PDB file of all heavy atoms in Angstrom:
ATOM      1  N   ASN A   1       0.819  -1.196  -0.043  1.00  0.00           N
ATOM      2  CA  ASN A   1      -0.023   0.015  -0.017  1.00  0.00           C
ATOM      3  C   ASN A   1       0.920   1.215  -0.033  1.00  0.00           C
ATOM      4  O   ASN A   1       0.333   2.326  -0.288  1.00  0.00           O
ATOM      5  CB  ASN A   1      -0.916   0.043   1.212  1.00  0.00           C
ATOM      6  CG  ASN A   1      -1.974  -1.060   1.158  1.00  0.00           C
ATOM      7  OD1 ASN A   1      -2.434  -1.450   0.027  1.00  0.00           O
ATOM      8  ND2 ASN A   1      -2.529  -1.433   2.264  1.00  0.00           N
ATOM      9  N   ASP A   2       2.113   1.142   0.326  1.00  0.00           N
ATOM     10  CA  ASP A   2       3.039   2.281   0.338  1.00  0.00           C
ATOM     11  C   ASP A   2       3.631   2.498  -1.023  1.00  0.00           C
ATOM     12  O   ASP A   2       4.276   3.618  -1.135  1.00  0.00           O
ATOM     13  CB  ASP A   2       4.176   2.051   1.395  1.00  0.00           C
ATOM     14  CG  ASP A   2       3.606   1.925   2.825  1.00  0.00           C
ATOM     15  OD1 ASP A   2       2.631   2.571   3.121  1.00  0.00           O
ATOM     16  OD2 ASP A   2       4.151   1.121   3.571  1.00  0.00           O
ATOM     17  N   ALA A   3       3.569   1.638  -1.948  1.00  0.00           N
ATOM     18  CA  ALA A   3       4.266   1.772  -3.191  1.00  0.00           C
ATOM     19  C   ALA A   3       3.950   3.016  -3.973  1.00  0.00           C
ATOM     20  O   ALA A   3       4.902   3.745  -4.356  1.00  0.00           O
ATOM     21  CB  ALA A   3       4.029   0.491  -4.107  1.00  0.00           C
ATOM     22  N   PRO A   4       2.637   3.511  -4.121  1.00  0.00           N
ATOM     23  CA  PRO A   4       2.428   4.769  -4.866  1.00  0.00           C
ATOM     24  C   PRO A   4       3.039   5.915  -4.143  1.00  0.00           C
ATOM     25  O   PRO A   4       3.570   6.843  -4.840  1.00  0.00           O
ATOM     26  CB  PRO A   4       0.931   4.822  -4.859  1.00  0.00           C
ATOM     27  CG  PRO A   4       0.434   3.411  -4.698  1.00  0.00           C
ATOM     28  CD  PRO A   4       1.462   2.823  -3.818  1.00  0.00           C
ATOM     29  N   ALA A   5       3.003   5.916  -2.892  1.00  0.00           N
ATOM     30  CA  ALA A   5       3.546   7.143  -2.110  1.00  0.00           C
ATOM     31  C   ALA A   5       4.994   7.101  -2.193  1.00  0.00           C
ATOM     32  O   ALA A   5       5.684   8.167  -2.287  1.00  0.00           O
ATOM     33  CB  ALA A   5       3.103   7.037  -0.624  1.00  0.00           C
ATOM     34  N   LEU A   6       5.669   5.964  -2.152  1.00  0.00           N
ATOM     35  CA  LEU A   6       7.115   5.855  -2.249  1.00  0.00           C
ATOM     36  C   LEU A   6       7.581   6.356  -3.577  1.00  0.00           C
ATOM     37  O   LEU A   6       8.650   7.097  -3.812  1.00  0.00           O
ATOM     38  CB  LEU A   6       7.716   4.445  -2.097  1.00  0.00           C
ATOM     39  CG  LEU A   6       7.573   3.810  -0.741  1.00  0.00           C
ATOM     40  CD1 LEU A   6       7.734   2.305  -0.756  1.00  0.00           C
ATOM     41  CD2 LEU A   6       8.656   4.496   0.166  1.00  0.00           C
ATOM     42  N   ALA A   7       6.757   6.005  -4.654  1.00  0.00           N
ATOM     43  CA  ALA A   7       7.230   6.457  -5.994  1.00  0.00           C
ATOM     44  C   ALA A   7       6.930   7.995  -6.143  1.00  0.00           C
ATOM     45  O   ALA A   7       7.679   8.723  -6.800  1.00  0.00           O
ATOM     46  CB  ALA A   7       6.366   5.795  -7.057  1.00  0.00           C
ATOM     47  N   ALA A   8       5.984   8.606  -5.384  1.00  0.00           N
ATOM     48  CA  ALA A   8       5.638  10.006  -5.513  1.00  0.00           C
ATOM     49  C   ALA A   8       6.678  10.854  -4.739  1.00  0.00           C
ATOM     50  O   ALA A   8       6.787  12.090  -5.032  1.00  0.00           O
ATOM     51  CB  ALA A   8       4.242  10.198  -5.138  1.00  0.00           C
ATOM     52  N   ALA A   9       7.256  10.249  -3.725  1.00  0.00           N
ATOM     53  CA  ALA A   9       8.185  11.128  -2.881  1.00  0.00           C
ATOM     54  C   ALA A   9       9.519  11.490  -3.654  1.00  0.00           C
ATOM     55  O   ALA A   9       9.826  10.805  -4.622  1.00  0.00           O
ATOM     56  CB  ALA A   9       8.501  10.362  -1.647  1.00  0.00           C
ATOM     57  N   ASP A  10      10.133  12.494  -3.112  1.00  0.00           N
ATOM     58  CA  ASP A  10      11.386  12.855  -3.649  1.00  0.00           C
ATOM     59  C   ASP A  10      12.399  11.741  -3.336  1.00  0.00           C
ATOM     60  O   ASP A  10      13.370  11.469  -4.272  1.00  0.00           O
ATOM     61  CB  ASP A  10      11.967  14.224  -2.978  1.00  0.00           C
ATOM     62  CG  ASP A  10      11.054  15.322  -3.370  1.00  0.00           C
ATOM     63  OD1 ASP A  10      11.034  15.691  -4.569  1.00  0.00           O
ATOM     64  OD2 ASP A  10      10.363  15.903  -2.594  1.00  0.00           O
ATOM     65  N   ILE A  11      12.295  11.204  -2.326  1.00  0.00           N
ATOM     66  CA  ILE A  11      13.171  10.026  -1.838  1.00  0.00           C
ATOM     67  C   ILE A  11      12.284   8.985  -1.193  1.00  0.00           C
ATOM     68  O   ILE A  11      11.581   9.265  -0.244  1.00  0.00           O
ATOM     69  CB  ILE A  11      14.269  10.482  -0.832  1.00  0.00           C
ATOM     70  CG1 ILE A  11      15.200  11.556  -1.409  1.00  0.00           C
ATOM     71  CG2 ILE A  11      15.002   9.286  -0.533  1.00  0.00           C
ATOM     72  CD1 ILE A  11      16.178  12.006  -0.453  1.00  0.00           C
ATOM     73  N   GLY A  12      12.227   7.857  -1.835  1.00  0.00           N
ATOM     74  CA  GLY A  12      11.378   6.769  -1.259  1.00  0.00           C
ATOM     75  C   GLY A  12      12.256   5.738  -0.627  1.00  0.00           C
ATOM     76  O   GLY A  12      13.262   5.293  -1.126  1.00  0.00           O
ATOM     77  N   ILE A  13      12.018   5.523   0.648  1.00  0.00           N
ATOM     78  CA  ILE A  13      12.856   4.572   1.445  1.00  0.00           C
ATOM     79  C   ILE A  13      12.036   3.350   1.845  1.00  0.00           C
ATOM     80  O   ILE A  13      11.050   3.463   2.603  1.00  0.00           O
ATOM     81  CB  ILE A  13      13.450   5.262   2.718  1.00  0.00           C
ATOM     82  CG1 ILE A  13      14.213   6.610   2.314  1.00  0.00           C
ATOM     83  CG2 ILE A  13      14.317   4.387   3.504  1.00  0.00           C
ATOM     84  CD1 ILE A  13      14.742   7.486   3.386  1.00  0.00           C
ATOM     85  N   ALA A  14      12.485   2.215   1.391  1.00  0.00           N
ATOM     86  CA  ALA A  14      11.784   0.849   1.854  1.00  0.00           C
ATOM     87  C   ALA A  14      12.665   0.341   2.960  1.00  0.00           C
ATOM     88  O   ALA A  14      13.771   0.188   2.971  1.00  0.00           O
ATOM     89  CB  ALA A  14      11.894  -0.100   0.700  1.00  0.00           C
ATOM     90  N   MET A  15      11.917   0.039   4.067  1.00  0.00           N
ATOM     91  CA  MET A  15      12.508  -0.538   5.159  1.00  0.00           C
ATOM     92  C   MET A  15      12.493  -2.032   5.218  1.00  0.00           C
ATOM     93  O   MET A  15      11.377  -2.609   5.077  1.00  0.00           O
ATOM     94  CB  MET A  15      11.730   0.087   6.508  1.00  0.00           C
ATOM     95  CG  MET A  15      12.075   1.458   6.783  1.00  0.00           C
ATOM     96  SD  MET A  15      13.784   1.923   7.068  1.00  0.00           S
ATOM     97  CE  MET A  15      14.090   0.811   8.480  1.00  0.00           C
ATOM     98  N   GLY A  16      13.540  -2.744   5.415  1.00  0.00           N
ATOM     99  CA  GLY A  16      13.635  -4.084   5.566  1.00  0.00           C
ATOM    100  C   GLY A  16      13.574  -4.857   4.228  1.00  0.00           C
ATOM    101  O   GLY A  16      12.822  -4.543   3.342  1.00  0.00           O
ATOM    102  N   ALA A  17      14.519  -5.815   4.214  1.00  0.00           N
ATOM    103  CA  ALA A  17      14.677  -6.546   2.908  1.00  0.00           C
ATOM    104  C   ALA A  17      13.442  -7.503   2.703  1.00  0.00           C
ATOM    105  O   ALA A  17      13.067  -7.984   1.716  1.00  0.00           O
ATOM    106  CB  ALA A  17      15.945  -7.508   2.889  1.00  0.00           C
ATOM    107  N   THR A  18      12.621  -7.667   3.837  1.00  0.00           N
ATOM    108  CA  THR A  18      11.404  -8.631   3.806  1.00  0.00           C
ATOM    109  C   THR A  18      10.136  -7.877   3.542  1.00  0.00           C
ATOM    110  O   THR A  18       9.033  -8.395   3.558  1.00  0.00           O
ATOM    111  CB  THR A  18      11.217  -9.400   5.119  1.00  0.00           C
ATOM    112  OG1 THR A  18      11.169  -8.437   6.205  1.00  0.00           O
ATOM    113  CG2 THR A  18      12.363 -10.339   5.477  1.00  0.00           C
ATOM    114  N   GLY A  19      10.206  -6.553   3.165  1.00  0.00           N
ATOM    115  CA  GLY A  19       9.146  -5.726   2.727  1.00  0.00           C
ATOM    116  C   GLY A  19       8.640  -6.199   1.441  1.00  0.00           C
ATOM    117  O   GLY A  19       9.220  -7.081   0.727  1.00  0.00           O
ATOM    118  N   SER A  20       7.507  -5.665   1.091  1.00  0.00           N
ATOM    119  CA  SER A  20       6.917  -6.131  -0.177  1.00  0.00           C
ATOM    120  C   SER A  20       7.728  -5.775  -1.416  1.00  0.00           C
ATOM    121  O   SER A  20       8.404  -4.819  -1.395  1.00  0.00           O
ATOM    122  CB  SER A  20       5.482  -5.536  -0.400  1.00  0.00           C
ATOM    123  OG  SER A  20       5.568  -4.125  -0.743  1.00  0.00           O
ATOM    124  N   ASP A  21       7.651  -6.603  -2.390  1.00  0.00           N
ATOM    125  CA  ASP A  21       8.422  -6.360  -3.602  1.00  0.00           C
ATOM    126  C   ASP A  21       8.061  -5.049  -4.354  1.00  0.00           C
ATOM    127  O   ASP A  21       8.938  -4.369  -4.858  1.00  0.00           O
ATOM    128  CB  ASP A  21       8.282  -7.429  -4.643  1.00  0.00           C
ATOM    129  CG  ASP A  21       8.909  -8.786  -4.149  1.00  0.00           C
ATOM    130  OD1 ASP A  21       9.874  -8.747  -3.264  1.00  0.00           O
ATOM    131  OD2 ASP A  21       8.588  -9.877  -4.627  1.00  0.00           O
ATOM    132  N   ALA A  22       6.768  -4.800  -4.316  1.00  0.00           N
ATOM    133  CA  ALA A  22       6.328  -3.555  -4.867  1.00  0.00           C
ATOM    134  C   ALA A  22       6.886  -2.319  -4.231  1.00  0.00           C
ATOM    135  O   ALA A  22       7.285  -1.232  -4.819  1.00  0.00           O
ATOM    136  CB  ALA A  22       4.756  -3.442  -4.762  1.00  0.00           C
ATOM    137  N   ALA A  23       6.965  -2.268  -2.886  1.00  0.00           N
ATOM    138  CA  ALA A  23       7.498  -1.177  -2.155  1.00  0.00           C
ATOM    139  C   ALA A  23       8.976  -0.982  -2.376  1.00  0.00           C
ATOM    140  O   ALA A  23       9.503   0.135  -2.564  1.00  0.00           O
ATOM    141  CB  ALA A  23       7.285  -1.406  -0.628  1.00  0.00           C
ATOM    142  N   ILE A  24       9.814  -2.152  -2.416  1.00  0.00           N
ATOM    143  CA  ILE A  24      11.239  -2.095  -2.648  1.00  0.00           C
ATOM    144  C   ILE A  24      11.424  -1.626  -4.088  1.00  0.00           C
ATOM    145  O   ILE A  24      12.316  -0.842  -4.381  1.00  0.00           O
ATOM    146  CB  ILE A  24      11.781  -3.476  -2.494  1.00  0.00           C
ATOM    147  CG1 ILE A  24      11.718  -3.899  -0.968  1.00  0.00           C
ATOM    148  CG2 ILE A  24      13.299  -3.481  -2.811  1.00  0.00           C
ATOM    149  CD1 ILE A  24      12.121  -5.275  -0.604  1.00  0.00           C
ATOM    150  N   GLU A  25      10.691  -2.061  -5.027  1.00  0.00           N
ATOM    151  CA  GLU A  25      10.924  -1.663  -6.481  1.00  0.00           C
ATOM    152  C   GLU A  25      10.573  -0.129  -6.622  1.00  0.00           C
ATOM    153  O   GLU A  25      11.111   0.567  -7.455  1.00  0.00           O
ATOM    154  CB  GLU A  25       9.971  -2.514  -7.427  1.00  0.00           C
ATOM    155  CG  GLU A  25      10.546  -3.907  -7.545  1.00  0.00           C
ATOM    156  CD  GLU A  25      11.912  -3.998  -8.146  1.00  0.00           C
ATOM    157  OE1 GLU A  25      12.181  -3.152  -9.069  1.00  0.00           O
ATOM    158  OE2 GLU A  25      12.727  -4.912  -7.985  1.00  0.00           O
ATOM    159  N   SER A  26       9.606   0.390  -5.898  1.00  0.00           N
ATOM    160  CA  SER A  26       9.159   1.716  -6.020  1.00  0.00           C
ATOM    161  C   SER A  26      10.131   2.729  -5.260  1.00  0.00           C
ATOM    162  O   SER A  26      10.129   3.916  -5.545  1.00  0.00           O
ATOM    163  CB  SER A  26       7.785   1.908  -5.454  1.00  0.00           C
ATOM    164  OG  SER A  26       6.844   1.077  -6.030  1.00  0.00           O
ATOM    165  N   ALA A  27      10.869   2.219  -4.239  1.00  0.00           N
ATOM    166  CA  ALA A  27      11.765   3.094  -3.523  1.00  0.00           C
ATOM    167  C   ALA A  27      13.101   3.389  -4.222  1.00  0.00           C
ATOM    168  O   ALA A  27      13.492   2.668  -5.069  1.00  0.00           O
ATOM    169  CB  ALA A  27      11.969   2.327  -2.256  1.00  0.00           C
ATOM    170  N   ASP A  28      13.665   4.559  -3.796  1.00  0.00           N
ATOM    171  CA  ASP A  28      14.919   4.856  -4.227  1.00  0.00           C
ATOM    172  C   ASP A  28      16.073   4.268  -3.460  1.00  0.00           C
ATOM    173  O   ASP A  28      17.160   4.030  -4.006  1.00  0.00           O
ATOM    174  CB  ASP A  28      15.081   6.495  -4.228  1.00  0.00           C
ATOM    175  CG  ASP A  28      14.072   7.157  -5.090  1.00  0.00           C
ATOM    176  OD1 ASP A  28      14.084   6.996  -6.285  1.00  0.00           O
ATOM    177  OD2 ASP A  28      13.303   7.936  -4.435  1.00  0.00           O
ATOM    178  N   VAL A  29      15.763   4.005  -2.211  1.00  0.00           N
ATOM    179  CA  VAL A  29      16.755   3.564  -1.207  1.00  0.00           C
ATOM    180  C   VAL A  29      16.032   2.277  -0.497  1.00  0.00           C
ATOM    181  O   VAL A  29      14.922   2.434  -0.065  1.00  0.00           O
ATOM    182  CB  VAL A  29      17.244   4.543  -0.249  1.00  0.00           C
ATOM    183  CG1 VAL A  29      18.203   3.834   0.771  1.00  0.00           C
ATOM    184  CG2 VAL A  29      17.783   5.701  -0.995  1.00  0.00           C
ATOM    185  N   ALA A  30      16.807   1.162  -0.350  1.00  0.00           N
ATOM    186  CA  ALA A  30      16.127   0.096   0.407  1.00  0.00           C
ATOM    187  C   ALA A  30      17.214  -0.157   1.574  1.00  0.00           C
ATOM    188  O   ALA A  30      18.423  -0.557   1.298  1.00  0.00           O
ATOM    189  CB  ALA A  30      15.980  -1.127  -0.351  1.00  0.00           C
ATOM    190  N   PHE A  31      16.667  -0.199   2.858  1.00  0.00           N
ATOM    191  CA  PHE A  31      17.480  -0.586   4.027  1.00  0.00           C
ATOM    192  C   PHE A  31      17.191  -2.072   4.263  1.00  0.00           C
ATOM    193  O   PHE A  31      16.057  -2.525   4.285  1.00  0.00           O
ATOM    194  CB  PHE A  31      17.148   0.163   5.304  1.00  0.00           C
ATOM    195  CG  PHE A  31      17.605   1.689   5.153  1.00  0.00           C
ATOM    196  CD1 PHE A  31      16.795   2.610   5.850  1.00  0.00           C
ATOM    197  CD2 PHE A  31      18.623   1.983   4.461  1.00  0.00           C
ATOM    198  CE1 PHE A  31      17.322   3.962   5.865  1.00  0.00           C
ATOM    199  CE2 PHE A  31      19.103   3.310   4.499  1.00  0.00           C
ATOM    200  CZ  PHE A  31      18.341   4.288   5.160  1.00  0.00           C
ATOM    201  N   THR A  32      18.401  -2.745   4.508  1.00  0.00           N
ATOM    202  CA  THR A  32      18.274  -4.251   4.784  1.00  0.00           C
ATOM    203  C   THR A  32      17.777  -4.528   6.135  1.00  0.00           C
ATOM    204  O   THR A  32      17.248  -5.564   6.481  1.00  0.00           O
ATOM    205  CB  THR A  32      19.516  -4.981   4.541  1.00  0.00           C
ATOM    206  OG1 THR A  32      20.558  -4.393   5.185  1.00  0.00           O
ATOM    207  CG2 THR A  32      19.969  -4.935   3.037  1.00  0.00           C
ATOM    208  N   GLY A  33      18.122  -3.480   7.080  1.00  0.00           N
ATOM    209  CA  GLY A  33      17.627  -3.605   8.439  1.00  0.00           C
ATOM    210  C   GLY A  33      16.290  -3.097   8.754  1.00  0.00           C
ATOM    211  O   GLY A  33      15.716  -2.313   7.877  1.00  0.00           O
ATOM    212  N   HIS A  34      15.833  -3.276   9.917  1.00  0.00           N
ATOM    213  CA  HIS A  34      14.513  -2.796  10.381  1.00  0.00           C
ATOM    214  C   HIS A  34      14.598  -1.707  11.494  1.00  0.00           C
ATOM    215  O   HIS A  34      13.637  -1.158  11.842  1.00  0.00           O
ATOM    216  CB  HIS A  34      13.682  -3.968  10.996  1.00  0.00           C
ATOM    217  CG  HIS A  34      13.329  -5.064   9.987  1.00  0.00           C
ATOM    218  ND1 HIS A  34      12.239  -4.926   9.194  1.00  0.00           N
ATOM    219  CD2 HIS A  34      13.940  -6.171   9.513  1.00  0.00           C
ATOM    220  CE1 HIS A  34      12.132  -5.834   8.299  1.00  0.00           C
ATOM    221  NE2 HIS A  34      13.122  -6.737   8.587  1.00  0.00           N
ATOM    222  N   ASP A  35      15.872  -1.482  11.916  1.00  0.00           N
ATOM    223  CA  ASP A  35      16.119  -0.498  13.044  1.00  0.00           C
ATOM    224  C   ASP A  35      15.951   0.960  12.398  1.00  0.00           C
ATOM    225  O   ASP A  35      16.668   1.354  11.583  1.00  0.00           O
ATOM    226  CB  ASP A  35      17.461  -0.582  13.544  1.00  0.00           C
ATOM    227  CG  ASP A  35      17.673   0.156  14.796  1.00  0.00           C
ATOM    228  OD1 ASP A  35      16.815   1.159  15.071  1.00  0.00           O
ATOM    229  OD2 ASP A  35      18.532  -0.107  15.636  1.00  0.00           O
ATOM    230  N   LEU A  36      14.851   1.611  12.786  1.00  0.00           N
ATOM    231  CA  LEU A  36      14.556   2.953  12.284  1.00  0.00           C
ATOM    232  C   LEU A  36      15.553   4.083  12.665  1.00  0.00           C
ATOM    233  O   LEU A  36      15.611   5.084  12.086  1.00  0.00           O
ATOM    234  CB  LEU A  36      13.177   3.483  12.711  1.00  0.00           C
ATOM    235  CG  LEU A  36      11.973   2.741  12.245  1.00  0.00           C
ATOM    236  CD1 LEU A  36      10.646   3.093  12.885  1.00  0.00           C
ATOM    237  CD2 LEU A  36      11.887   2.856  10.676  1.00  0.00           C
ATOM    238  N   ARG A  37      16.534   3.676  13.570  1.00  0.00           N
ATOM    239  CA  ARG A  37      17.625   4.602  13.892  1.00  0.00           C
ATOM    240  C   ARG A  37      18.460   4.787  12.732  1.00  0.00           C
ATOM    241  O   ARG A  37      19.388   5.680  12.726  1.00  0.00           O
ATOM    242  CB  ARG A  37      18.299   4.164  15.095  1.00  0.00           C
ATOM    243  CG  ARG A  37      17.626   4.373  16.455  1.00  0.00           C
ATOM    244  CD  ARG A  37      18.177   3.751  17.552  1.00  0.00           C
ATOM    245  NE  ARG A  37      18.126   2.380  17.553  1.00  0.00           N
ATOM    246  CZ  ARG A  37      18.463   1.617  18.530  1.00  0.00           C
ATOM    247  NH1 ARG A  37      18.796   2.040  19.816  1.00  0.00           N
ATOM    248  NH2 ARG A  37      18.443   0.204  18.448  1.00  0.00           N
ATOM    249  N   LEU A  38      18.414   3.899  11.772  1.00  0.00           N
ATOM    250  CA  LEU A  38      19.187   4.038  10.461  1.00  0.00           C
ATOM    251  C   LEU A  38      18.827   5.346   9.714  1.00  0.00           C
ATOM    252  O   LEU A  38      19.656   5.930   9.052  1.00  0.00           O
ATOM    253  CB  LEU A  38      18.926   2.852   9.593  1.00  0.00           C
ATOM    254  CG  LEU A  38      19.501   1.476   9.916  1.00  0.00           C
ATOM    255  CD1 LEU A  38      18.921   0.402   9.052  1.00  0.00           C
ATOM    256  CD2 LEU A  38      21.087   1.523   9.798  1.00  0.00           C
ATOM    257  N   LEU A  39      17.566   5.830   9.961  1.00  0.00           N
ATOM    258  CA  LEU A  39      17.122   6.955   9.158  1.00  0.00           C
ATOM    259  C   LEU A  39      17.811   8.179   9.469  1.00  0.00           C
ATOM    260  O   LEU A  39      18.493   8.888   8.573  1.00  0.00           O
ATOM    261  CB  LEU A  39      15.604   7.121   9.280  1.00  0.00           C
ATOM    262  CG  LEU A  39      14.713   6.025   8.741  1.00  0.00           C
ATOM    263  CD1 LEU A  39      13.282   6.222   9.211  1.00  0.00           C
ATOM    264  CD2 LEU A  39      14.743   6.030   7.284  1.00  0.00           C
ATOM    265  N   PRO A  40      17.917   8.727  10.712  1.00  0.00           N
ATOM    266  CA  PRO A  40      18.618   9.854  11.031  1.00  0.00           C
ATOM    267  C   PRO A  40      20.101   9.826  10.662  1.00  0.00           C
ATOM    268  O   PRO A  40      20.777  10.760  10.316  1.00  0.00           O
ATOM    269  CB  PRO A  40      18.374  10.169  12.516  1.00  0.00           C
ATOM    270  CG  PRO A  40      17.915   8.894  13.015  1.00  0.00           C
ATOM    271  CD  PRO A  40      17.177   8.155  11.971  1.00  0.00           C
ATOM    272  N   ARG A  41      20.695   8.557  10.928  1.00  0.00           N
ATOM    273  CA  ARG A  41      22.133   8.438  10.634  1.00  0.00           C
ATOM    274  C   ARG A  41      22.324   8.516   9.052  1.00  0.00           C
ATOM    275  O   ARG A  41      23.346   9.057   8.650  1.00  0.00           O
ATOM    276  CB  ARG A  41      22.598   7.026  11.110  1.00  0.00           C
ATOM    277  CG  ARG A  41      22.745   6.990  12.634  1.00  0.00           C
ATOM    278  CD  ARG A  41      22.624   5.589  13.139  1.00  0.00           C
ATOM    279  NE  ARG A  41      23.681   4.724  12.459  1.00  0.00           N
ATOM    280  CZ  ARG A  41      23.720   3.345  12.588  1.00  0.00           C
ATOM    281  NH1 ARG A  41      22.963   2.814  13.544  1.00  0.00           N
ATOM    282  NH2 ARG A  41      24.730   2.635  12.105  1.00  0.00           N
ATOM    283  N   ALA A  42      21.376   7.962   8.277  1.00  0.00           N
ATOM    284  CA  ALA A  42      21.555   8.091   6.789  1.00  0.00           C
ATOM    285  C   ALA A  42      21.375   9.583   6.356  1.00  0.00           C
ATOM    286  O   ALA A  42      22.237  10.069   5.469  1.00  0.00           O
ATOM    287  CB  ALA A  42      20.447   7.219   6.165  1.00  0.00           C
ATOM    288  N   PHE A  43      20.500  10.290   6.952  1.00  0.00           N
ATOM    289  CA  PHE A  43      20.326  11.671   6.664  1.00  0.00           C
ATOM    290  C   PHE A  43      21.570  12.462   6.975  1.00  0.00           C
ATOM    291  O   PHE A  43      21.988  13.374   6.196  1.00  0.00           O
ATOM    292  CB  PHE A  43      19.042  12.328   7.190  1.00  0.00           C
ATOM    293  CG  PHE A  43      17.725  11.727   6.759  1.00  0.00           C
ATOM    294  CD1 PHE A  43      16.715  11.538   7.586  1.00  0.00           C
ATOM    295  CD2 PHE A  43      17.630  11.474   5.344  1.00  0.00           C
ATOM    296  CE1 PHE A  43      15.511  11.093   7.064  1.00  0.00           C
ATOM    297  CE2 PHE A  43      16.428  10.991   4.956  1.00  0.00           C
ATOM    298  CZ  PHE A  43      15.317  10.783   5.734  1.00  0.00           C
ATOM    299  N   ALA A  44      22.058  12.322   8.130  1.00  0.00           N
ATOM    300  CA  ALA A  44      23.354  12.953   8.580  1.00  0.00           C
ATOM    301  C   ALA A  44      24.436  12.585   7.695  1.00  0.00           C
ATOM    302  O   ALA A  44      25.306  13.452   7.327  1.00  0.00           O
ATOM    303  CB  ALA A  44      23.651  12.608  10.069  1.00  0.00           C
ATOM    304  N   HIS A  45      24.642  11.327   7.314  1.00  0.00           N
ATOM    305  CA  HIS A  45      25.732  10.969   6.486  1.00  0.00           C
ATOM    306  C   HIS A  45      25.591  11.612   5.032  1.00  0.00           C
ATOM    307  O   HIS A  45      26.487  12.066   4.435  1.00  0.00           O
ATOM    308  CB  HIS A  45      25.651   9.449   6.200  1.00  0.00           C
ATOM    309  CG  HIS A  45      26.836   8.913   5.523  1.00  0.00           C
ATOM    310  ND1 HIS A  45      28.100   9.022   5.923  1.00  0.00           N
ATOM    311  CD2 HIS A  45      26.897   8.164   4.343  1.00  0.00           C
ATOM    312  CE1 HIS A  45      28.921   8.416   5.025  1.00  0.00           C
ATOM    313  NE2 HIS A  45      28.088   7.995   4.030  1.00  0.00           N
TER     314      HIS A  45
END
C-alpha cells in the first residue's frame, strides 16, 4: 500500500529486505535492516 507514495516522494525509502516487492521496487533506497535509527544516521551521512 506504500508503493504509490514511495514512487511519488522525492526520496522513497523501503525498510527491511522482507518488505513487499512492490515497495522495494518503488523506492529509491532500500535498507536491509529494520532499525529505524538508520534513518537519522543516513540523513546525517
